[in-house]
Amino acid sequence: MSEWELLRHHSIEGALPHIIQVERPASGWPQLSDSEIAEREQAIRESTTLEDLRNEPNVRAYRDYYWSLGIDPTKKRPSAEALARRILQGKPLPRINPIVDIYILVSAEQLIAFGGYNGPALASLGGNHRINFRPAKPGEEFLGIGMKETMSLSGKEQVLASGDTVFALFPYRDSWQTRIRGDDEFAVFMLEQVPGISLESISAAETALRAQLNR
């Protein structure tokens, strides 16, 4: 069981991040070989096409949720879809660090969006291991991975916060402050369920992720 508590406030019905914590194995985080990544990417290419991908139930669910937030999913694609599209276009996934390499590949395979966080950094935010899932407060600041400067939130966004700190825009961007470094003592993941995503899909993605990180 996770030691994290999720406090859900007024958010869109059916949207829910599922929190899991994974400890660093005694032997260290496993690393995917180039050959294994290539084989699994090829399996994705053989399982679907770009045309069929957008009609996959999970992809459609994330797209519909983006529209409900006022985000055009054809311009800012849901993360799992973007990863799968990259593979289907013949482009390799980026290599970042052992933990991220594993969870983005599982995300592409399962078509489930993940948020990934450095556990100690997340715990240090002062929320006493309580995660608030709520609408943003107008004027709250957020610095996402890949952003050069902080953005001021409008109040329309759905966010994950610990204490007074927003560490994720649900379900598509994580913060620089809580990014996974690769040698993390433990990692925390949010499996992003939105309307139309079944609990069975979330459970399958969790099982796959834990198996890959603990092998």
C-alpha atoms as a PDB file:
ATOM      1  CA  MET A   1       0.000   0.000   0.000  1.00  0.00           C
ATOM      2  CA  SER A   2       1.109   3.527  -0.721  1.00  0.00           C
ATOM      3  CA  GLU A   3       1.848   5.760   2.259  1.00  0.00           C
ATOM      4  CA  TRP A   4       0.433   8.702   0.331  1.00  0.00           C
ATOM      5  CA  GLU A   5      -3.065  10.055   0.899  1.00  0.00           C
ATOM      6  CA  LEU A   6      -4.999  11.636  -1.960  1.00  0.00           C
ATOM      7  CA  LEU A   7      -7.372  14.457  -1.069  1.00  0.00           C
ATOM      8  CA  ARG A   8      -9.784  15.055  -3.891  1.00  0.00           C
ATOM      9  CA  HIS A   9     -11.469  18.424  -4.094  1.00  0.00           C
ATOM     10  CA  HIS A  10     -13.886  19.806  -6.702  1.00  0.00           C
ATOM     11  CA  SER A  11     -12.545  18.214  -9.875  1.00  0.00           C
ATOM     12  CA  ILE A  12     -14.061  16.780 -13.018  1.00  0.00           C
ATOM     13  CA  GLU A  13     -16.063  13.640 -12.310  1.00  0.00           C
ATOM     14  CA  GLY A  14     -14.195  10.480 -13.257  1.00  0.00           C
ATOM     15  CA  ALA A  15     -10.733  12.070 -13.122  1.00  0.00           C
ATOM     16  CA  LEU A  16      -8.454  10.530 -10.520  1.00  0.00           C
ATOM     17  CA  PRO A  17      -4.700  10.078 -10.106  1.00  0.00           C
ATOM     18  CA  HIS A  18      -3.746   6.712  -8.596  1.00  0.00           C
ATOM     19  CA  ILE A  19      -0.644   7.013  -6.404  1.00  0.00           C
ATOM     20  CA  ILE A  20       1.966   4.291  -6.222  1.00  0.00           C
ATOM     21  CA  GLN A  21       5.392   4.296  -4.600  1.00  0.00           C
ATOM     22  CA  VAL A  22       8.285   2.125  -5.746  1.00  0.00           C
ATOM     23  CA  GLU A  23      11.443   1.701  -3.667  1.00  0.00           C
ATOM     24  CA  ARG A  24      14.857   1.503  -5.297  1.00  0.00           C
ATOM     25  CA  PRO A  25      15.798  -2.200  -5.519  1.00  0.00           C
ATOM     26  CA  ALA A  26      18.810  -3.331  -3.491  1.00  0.00           C
ATOM     27  CA  SER A  27      20.656  -3.922  -6.753  1.00  0.00           C
ATOM     28  CA  GLY A  28      19.765  -0.474  -8.048  1.00  0.00           C
ATOM     29  CA  TRP A  29      17.240   0.616 -10.635  1.00  0.00           C
ATOM     30  CA  PRO A  30      17.214  -1.725 -13.647  1.00  0.00           C
ATOM     31  CA  GLN A  31      18.409  -0.388 -16.975  1.00  0.00           C
ATOM     32  CA  LEU A  32      16.846  -1.226 -20.310  1.00  0.00           C
ATOM     33  CA  SER A  33      19.259  -2.331 -22.995  1.00  0.00           C
ATOM     34  CA  ASP A  34      19.133  -0.740 -26.425  1.00  0.00           C
ATOM     35  CA  SER A  35      18.105  -4.069 -27.912  1.00  0.00           C
ATOM     36  CA  GLU A  36      15.185  -4.554 -25.523  1.00  0.00           C
ATOM     37  CA  ILE A  37      13.908  -1.039 -26.151  1.00  0.00           C
ATOM     38  CA  ALA A  38      14.161  -1.582 -29.903  1.00  0.00           C
ATOM     39  CA  GLU A  39      12.246  -4.883 -29.652  1.00  0.00           C
ATOM     40  CA  ARG A  40       9.465  -3.359 -27.576  1.00  0.00           C
ATOM     41  CA  GLU A  41       9.208  -0.345 -29.852  1.00  0.00           C
ATOM     42  CA  GLN A  42       8.898  -2.698 -32.815  1.00  0.00           C
ATOM     43  CA  ALA A  43       6.127  -4.596 -31.030  1.00  0.00           C
ATOM     44  CA  ILE A  44       4.195  -1.339 -30.694  1.00  0.00           C
ATOM     45  CA  ARG A  45       4.665  -0.615 -34.413  1.00  0.00           C
ATOM     46  CA  GLU A  46       3.291  -4.063 -35.215  1.00  0.00           C
ATOM     47  CA  SER A  47       0.285  -3.658 -32.903  1.00  0.00           C
ATOM     48  CA  THR A  48      -1.315  -0.552 -34.389  1.00  0.00           C
ATOM     49  CA  THR A  49      -0.998   2.297 -36.893  1.00  0.00           C
ATOM     50  CA  LEU A  50      -1.103   6.057 -36.559  1.00  0.00           C
ATOM     51  CA  GLU A  51      -4.595   6.011 -38.039  1.00  0.00           C
ATOM     52  CA  ASP A  52      -5.841   3.389 -35.580  1.00  0.00           C
ATOM     53  CA  LEU A  53      -4.044   4.894 -32.577  1.00  0.00           C
ATOM     54  CA  ARG A  54      -6.334   7.904 -32.311  1.00  0.00           C
ATOM     55  CA  ASN A  55      -9.326   5.573 -32.073  1.00  0.00           C
ATOM     56  CA  GLU A  56      -7.889   3.513 -29.226  1.00  0.00           C
ATOM     57  CA  PRO A  57     -10.298   3.873 -26.255  1.00  0.00           C
ATOM     58  CA  ASN A  58      -7.650   5.184 -23.859  1.00  0.00           C
ATOM     59  CA  VAL A  59      -6.319   7.688 -26.387  1.00  0.00           C
ATOM     60  CA  ARG A  60      -9.841   8.893 -27.109  1.00  0.00           C
ATOM     61  CA  ALA A  61     -10.547   9.257 -23.376  1.00  0.00           C
ATOM     62  CA  TYR A  62      -7.496  11.457 -22.802  1.00  0.00           C
ATOM     63  CA  ARG A  63      -8.322  13.527 -25.864  1.00  0.00           C
ATOM     64  CA  ASP A  64     -11.879  14.110 -24.643  1.00  0.00           C
ATOM     65  CA  TYR A  65     -10.578  15.094 -21.210  1.00  0.00           C
ATOM     66  CA  TYR A  66      -8.171  17.587 -22.745  1.00  0.00           C
ATOM     67  CA  TRP A  67     -11.052  19.163 -24.660  1.00  0.00           C
ATOM     68  CA  SER A  68     -12.987  19.437 -21.377  1.00  0.00           C
ATOM     69  CA  LEU A  69     -10.072  21.454 -19.959  1.00  0.00           C
ATOM     70  CA  GLY A  70      -9.996  23.726 -22.997  1.00  0.00           C
ATOM     71  CA  ILE A  71      -6.806  22.128 -24.356  1.00  0.00           C
ATOM     72  CA  ASP A  72      -6.621  21.137 -28.027  1.00  0.00           C
ATOM     73  CA  PRO A  73      -5.203  17.568 -27.966  1.00  0.00           C
ATOM     74  CA  THR A  74      -4.114  17.819 -31.598  1.00  0.00           C
ATOM     75  CA  LYS A  75      -1.727  20.632 -30.609  1.00  0.00           C
ATOM     76  CA  LYS A  76      -0.735  19.475 -27.116  1.00  0.00           C
ATOM     77  CA  ARG A  77      -1.029  15.727 -27.326  1.00  0.00           C
ATOM     78  CA  PRO A  78      -1.709  13.538 -24.298  1.00  0.00           C
ATOM     79  CA  SER A  79       1.588  12.082 -23.128  1.00  0.00           C
ATOM     80  CA  ALA A  80       0.880   8.391 -23.741  1.00  0.00           C
ATOM     81  CA  GLU A  81      -0.400   9.139 -27.243  1.00  0.00           C
ATOM     82  CA  ALA A  82       2.591  11.373 -27.992  1.00  0.00           C
ATOM     83  CA  LEU A  83       5.012   8.619 -26.953  1.00  0.00           C
ATOM     84  CA  ALA A  84       3.216   5.974 -29.010  1.00  0.00           C
ATOM     85  CA  ARG A  85       3.017   8.299 -32.025  1.00  0.00           C
ATOM     86  CA  ARG A  86       6.743   8.937 -31.812  1.00  0.00           C
ATOM     87  CA  ILE A  87       7.410   5.202 -31.971  1.00  0.00           C
ATOM     88  CA  LEU A  88       4.930   4.646 -34.812  1.00  0.00           C
ATOM     89  CA  GLN A  89       6.666   7.409 -36.768  1.00  0.00           C
ATOM     90  CA  GLY A  90       9.927   5.467 -36.507  1.00  0.00           C
ATOM     91  CA  LYS A  91      11.517   7.817 -33.985  1.00  0.00           C
ATOM     92  CA  PRO A  92      13.234   6.339 -30.920  1.00  0.00           C
ATOM     93  CA  LEU A  93      12.105   7.274 -27.442  1.00  0.00           C
ATOM     94  CA  PRO A  94      14.449   9.665 -25.622  1.00  0.00           C
ATOM     95  CA  ARG A  95      16.910   8.122 -23.170  1.00  0.00           C
ATOM     96  CA  ILE A  96      16.828  10.124 -19.932  1.00  0.00           C
ATOM     97  CA  ASN A  97      17.615   7.907 -16.956  1.00  0.00           C
ATOM     98  CA  PRO A  98      16.786   4.307 -15.913  1.00  0.00           C
ATOM     99  CA  ILE A  99      13.497   5.133 -14.162  1.00  0.00           C
ATOM    100  CA  VAL A 100      12.142   7.515 -16.783  1.00  0.00           C
ATOM    101  CA  ASP A 101      13.208   5.238 -19.645  1.00  0.00           C
ATOM    102  CA  ILE A 102      11.133   2.438 -18.138  1.00  0.00           C
ATOM    103  CA  TYR A 103       8.010   4.358 -17.262  1.00  0.00           C
ATOM    104  CA  ILE A 104       7.680   6.186 -20.580  1.00  0.00           C
ATOM    105  CA  LEU A 105       8.020   2.893 -22.443  1.00  0.00           C
ATOM    106  CA  VAL A 106       5.349   1.293 -20.250  1.00  0.00           C
ATOM    107  CA  SER A 107       3.177   4.366 -20.817  1.00  0.00           C
ATOM    108  CA  ALA A 108       3.479   3.953 -24.595  1.00  0.00           C
ATOM    109  CA  GLU A 109       2.706   0.237 -24.352  1.00  0.00           C
ATOM    110  CA  GLN A 110      -0.275   0.597 -22.015  1.00  0.00           C
ATOM    111  CA  LEU A 111      -1.526   3.947 -23.403  1.00  0.00           C
ATOM    112  CA  ILE A 112      -1.851   5.240 -19.856  1.00  0.00           C
ATOM    113  CA  ALA A 113      -0.454   8.615 -18.794  1.00  0.00           C
ATOM    114  CA  PHE A 114       2.016   8.565 -15.897  1.00  0.00           C
ATOM    115  CA  GLY A 115       3.352  11.319 -13.714  1.00  0.00           C
ATOM    116  CA  GLY A 116       6.728  10.428 -12.215  1.00  0.00           C
ATOM    117  CA  TYR A 117       8.355  12.126  -9.219  1.00  0.00           C
ATOM    118  CA  ASN A 118      11.459  11.960  -7.066  1.00  0.00           C
ATOM    119  CA  GLY A 119      10.014  10.603  -3.836  1.00  0.00           C
ATOM    120  CA  PRO A 120      12.212  12.468  -1.319  1.00  0.00           C
ATOM    121  CA  ALA A 121      11.761  15.742  -3.220  1.00  0.00           C
ATOM    122  CA  LEU A 122       7.993  15.282  -3.223  1.00  0.00           C
ATOM    123  CA  ALA A 123       7.980  14.442   0.499  1.00  0.00           C
ATOM    124  CA  SER A 124      10.024  17.586   1.236  1.00  0.00           C
ATOM    125  CA  LEU A 125       7.287  19.898  -0.047  1.00  0.00           C
ATOM    126  CA  GLY A 126       5.623  19.885   3.359  1.00  0.00           C
ATOM    127  CA  GLY A 127       2.303  18.250   2.601  1.00  0.00           C
ATOM    128  CA  ASN A 128       2.769  15.435   5.147  1.00  0.00           C
ATOM    129  CA  HIS A 129       2.360  12.860   2.374  1.00  0.00           C
ATOM    130  CA  ARG A 130      -1.036  14.286   1.463  1.00  0.00           C
ATOM    131  CA  ILE A 131      -1.618  15.053  -2.198  1.00  0.00           C
ATOM    132  CA  ASN A 132      -4.325  17.540  -3.104  1.00  0.00           C
ATOM    133  CA  PHE A 133      -6.069  17.039  -6.441  1.00  0.00           C
ATOM    134  CA  ARG A 134      -7.913  20.279  -7.089  1.00  0.00           C
ATOM    135  CA  PRO A 135      -8.497  23.200  -9.426  1.00  0.00           C
ATOM    136  CA  ALA A 136      -5.614  25.660  -9.535  1.00  0.00           C
ATOM    137  CA  LYS A 137      -5.856  28.896  -7.593  1.00  0.00           C
ATOM    138  CA  PRO A 138      -5.556  31.926  -9.893  1.00  0.00           C
ATOM    139  CA  GLY A 139      -2.018  33.267  -9.727  1.00  0.00           C
ATOM    140  CA  GLU A 140      -0.375  30.104  -8.406  1.00  0.00           C
ATOM    141  CA  GLU A 141       3.021  29.554  -9.999  1.00  0.00           C
ATOM    142  CA  PHE A 142       4.321  26.427 -11.666  1.00  0.00           C
ATOM    143  CA  LEU A 143       7.639  25.538 -13.269  1.00  0.00           C
ATOM    144  CA  GLY A 144       7.323  22.461 -15.445  1.00  0.00           C
ATOM    145  CA  ILE A 145      10.020  20.216 -16.848  1.00  0.00           C
ATOM    146  CA  GLY A 146      11.318  21.826 -20.019  1.00  0.00           C
ATOM    147  CA  MET A 147      10.001  25.289 -19.111  1.00  0.00           C
ATOM    148  CA  LYS A 148      12.445  28.202 -18.959  1.00  0.00           C
ATOM    149  CA  GLU A 149      10.411  30.253 -16.498  1.00  0.00           C
ATOM    150  CA  THR A 150       7.473  29.830 -14.172  1.00  0.00           C
ATOM    151  CA  MET A 151       3.934  30.246 -15.425  1.00  0.00           C
ATOM    152  CA  SER A 152       1.055  31.852 -13.576  1.00  0.00           C
ATOM    153  CA  LEU A 153      -1.953  29.543 -13.436  1.00  0.00           C
ATOM    154  CA  SER A 154      -5.354  30.825 -14.485  1.00  0.00           C
ATOM    155  CA  GLY A 155      -7.483  28.783 -12.093  1.00  0.00           C
ATOM    156  CA  LYS A 156      -8.916  26.590 -14.848  1.00  0.00           C
ATOM    157  CA  GLU A 157      -6.202  23.939 -14.601  1.00  0.00           C
ATOM    158  CA  GLN A 158      -6.519  20.723 -12.608  1.00  0.00           C
ATOM    159  CA  VAL A 159      -3.435  20.387 -10.401  1.00  0.00           C
ATOM    160  CA  LEU A 160      -1.686  18.113  -7.956  1.00  0.00           C
ATOM    161  CA  ALA A 161      -0.279  19.955  -4.955  1.00  0.00           C
ATOM    162  CA  SER A 162       1.615  19.102  -1.798  1.00  0.00           C
ATOM    163  CA  GLY A 163       1.384  21.715   0.905  1.00  0.00           C
ATOM    164  CA  ASP A 164       1.335  25.039  -0.926  1.00  0.00           C
ATOM    165  CA  THR A 165       3.320  23.760  -3.914  1.00  0.00           C
ATOM    166  CA  VAL A 166       1.795  22.724  -7.232  1.00  0.00           C
ATOM    167  CA  PHE A 167       3.950  19.900  -8.580  1.00  0.00           C
ATOM    168  CA  ALA A 168       1.874  18.764 -11.565  1.00  0.00           C
ATOM    169  CA  LEU A 169      -0.716  19.952 -14.033  1.00  0.00           C
ATOM    170  CA  PHE A 170      -3.073  16.994 -14.366  1.00  0.00           C
ATOM    171  CA  PRO A 171      -2.693  14.971 -16.523  1.00  0.00           C
ATOM    172  CA  TYR A 172       0.064  16.353 -18.727  1.00  0.00           C
ATOM    173  CA  ARG A 173       2.993  18.174 -17.089  1.00  0.00           C
ATOM    174  CA  ASP A 174       5.214  17.541 -14.055  1.00  0.00           C
ATOM    175  CA  SER A 175       7.347  20.065 -12.198  1.00  0.00           C
ATOM    176  CA  TRP A 176      11.068  20.596 -12.424  1.00  0.00           C
ATOM    177  CA  GLN A 177      11.372  20.594  -8.628  1.00  0.00           C
ATOM    178  CA  THR A 178      10.128  17.026  -8.217  1.00  0.00           C
ATOM    179  CA  ARG A 179      11.618  15.553 -11.393  1.00  0.00           C
ATOM    180  CA  ILE A 180      13.051  12.030 -11.302  1.00  0.00           C
ATOM    181  CA  ARG A 181      16.846  12.170 -11.208  1.00  0.00           C
ATOM    182  CA  GLY A 182      17.595   8.503 -11.925  1.00  0.00           C
ATOM    183  CA  ASP A 183      19.249   7.516  -8.650  1.00  0.00           C
ATOM    184  CA  ASP A 184      16.181   8.294  -6.520  1.00  0.00           C
ATOM    185  CA  GLU A 185      15.797   6.503  -3.180  1.00  0.00           C
ATOM    186  CA  PHE A 186      12.191   5.913  -4.154  1.00  0.00           C
ATOM    187  CA  ALA A 187       9.903   7.138  -6.891  1.00  0.00           C
ATOM    188  CA  VAL A 188       6.262   8.131  -6.765  1.00  0.00           C
ATOM    189  CA  PHE A 189       4.002   7.731  -9.767  1.00  0.00           C
ATOM    190  CA  MET A 190       0.546   9.017 -10.597  1.00  0.00           C
ATOM    191  CA  LEU A 191      -1.413   6.800 -12.978  1.00  0.00           C
ATOM    192  CA  GLU A 192      -3.814   9.259 -14.553  1.00  0.00           C
ATOM    193  CA  GLN A 193      -7.369   7.997 -14.756  1.00  0.00           C
ATOM    194  CA  VAL A 194      -9.831  10.211 -16.611  1.00  0.00           C
ATOM    195  CA  PRO A 195     -13.444   9.581 -17.710  1.00  0.00           C
ATOM    196  CA  GLY A 196     -13.444   6.628 -20.110  1.00  0.00           C
ATOM    197  CA  ILE A 197     -10.301   4.992 -18.674  1.00  0.00           C
ATOM    198  CA  SER A 198     -11.223   1.784 -16.860  1.00  0.00           C
ATOM    199  CA  LEU A 199      -9.823   0.784 -13.503  1.00  0.00           C
ATOM    200  CA  GLU A 200      -8.708  -2.443 -15.197  1.00  0.00           C
ATOM    201  CA  SER A 201      -6.480  -0.394 -17.542  1.00  0.00           C
ATOM    202  CA  ILE A 202      -4.978   1.448 -14.577  1.00  0.00           C
ATOM    203  CA  SER A 203      -4.361  -1.814 -12.711  1.00  0.00           C
ATOM    204  CA  ALA A 204      -2.707  -3.402 -15.753  1.00  0.00           C
ATOM    205  CA  ALA A 205      -0.433  -0.386 -16.160  1.00  0.00           C
ATOM    206  CA  GLU A 206       0.517  -0.483 -12.471  1.00  0.00           C
ATOM    207  CA  THR A 207       1.325  -4.194 -12.663  1.00  0.00           C
ATOM    208  CA  ALA A 208       3.498  -3.650 -15.745  1.00  0.00           C
ATOM    209  CA  LEU A 209       5.324  -0.699 -14.200  1.00  0.00           C
ATOM    210  CA  ARG A 210       6.073  -2.446 -10.925  1.00  0.00           C
ATOM    211  CA  ALA A 211       7.304  -5.543 -12.746  1.00  0.00           C
ATOM    212  CA  GLN A 212       9.680  -3.497 -14.868  1.00  0.00           C
ATOM    213  CA  LEU A 213      11.062  -1.412 -11.997  1.00  0.00           C
ATOM    214  CA  ASN A 214      11.580  -4.345  -9.639  1.00  0.00           C
ATOM    215  CA  ARG A 215      13.104  -6.922 -11.972  1.00  0.00           C
END
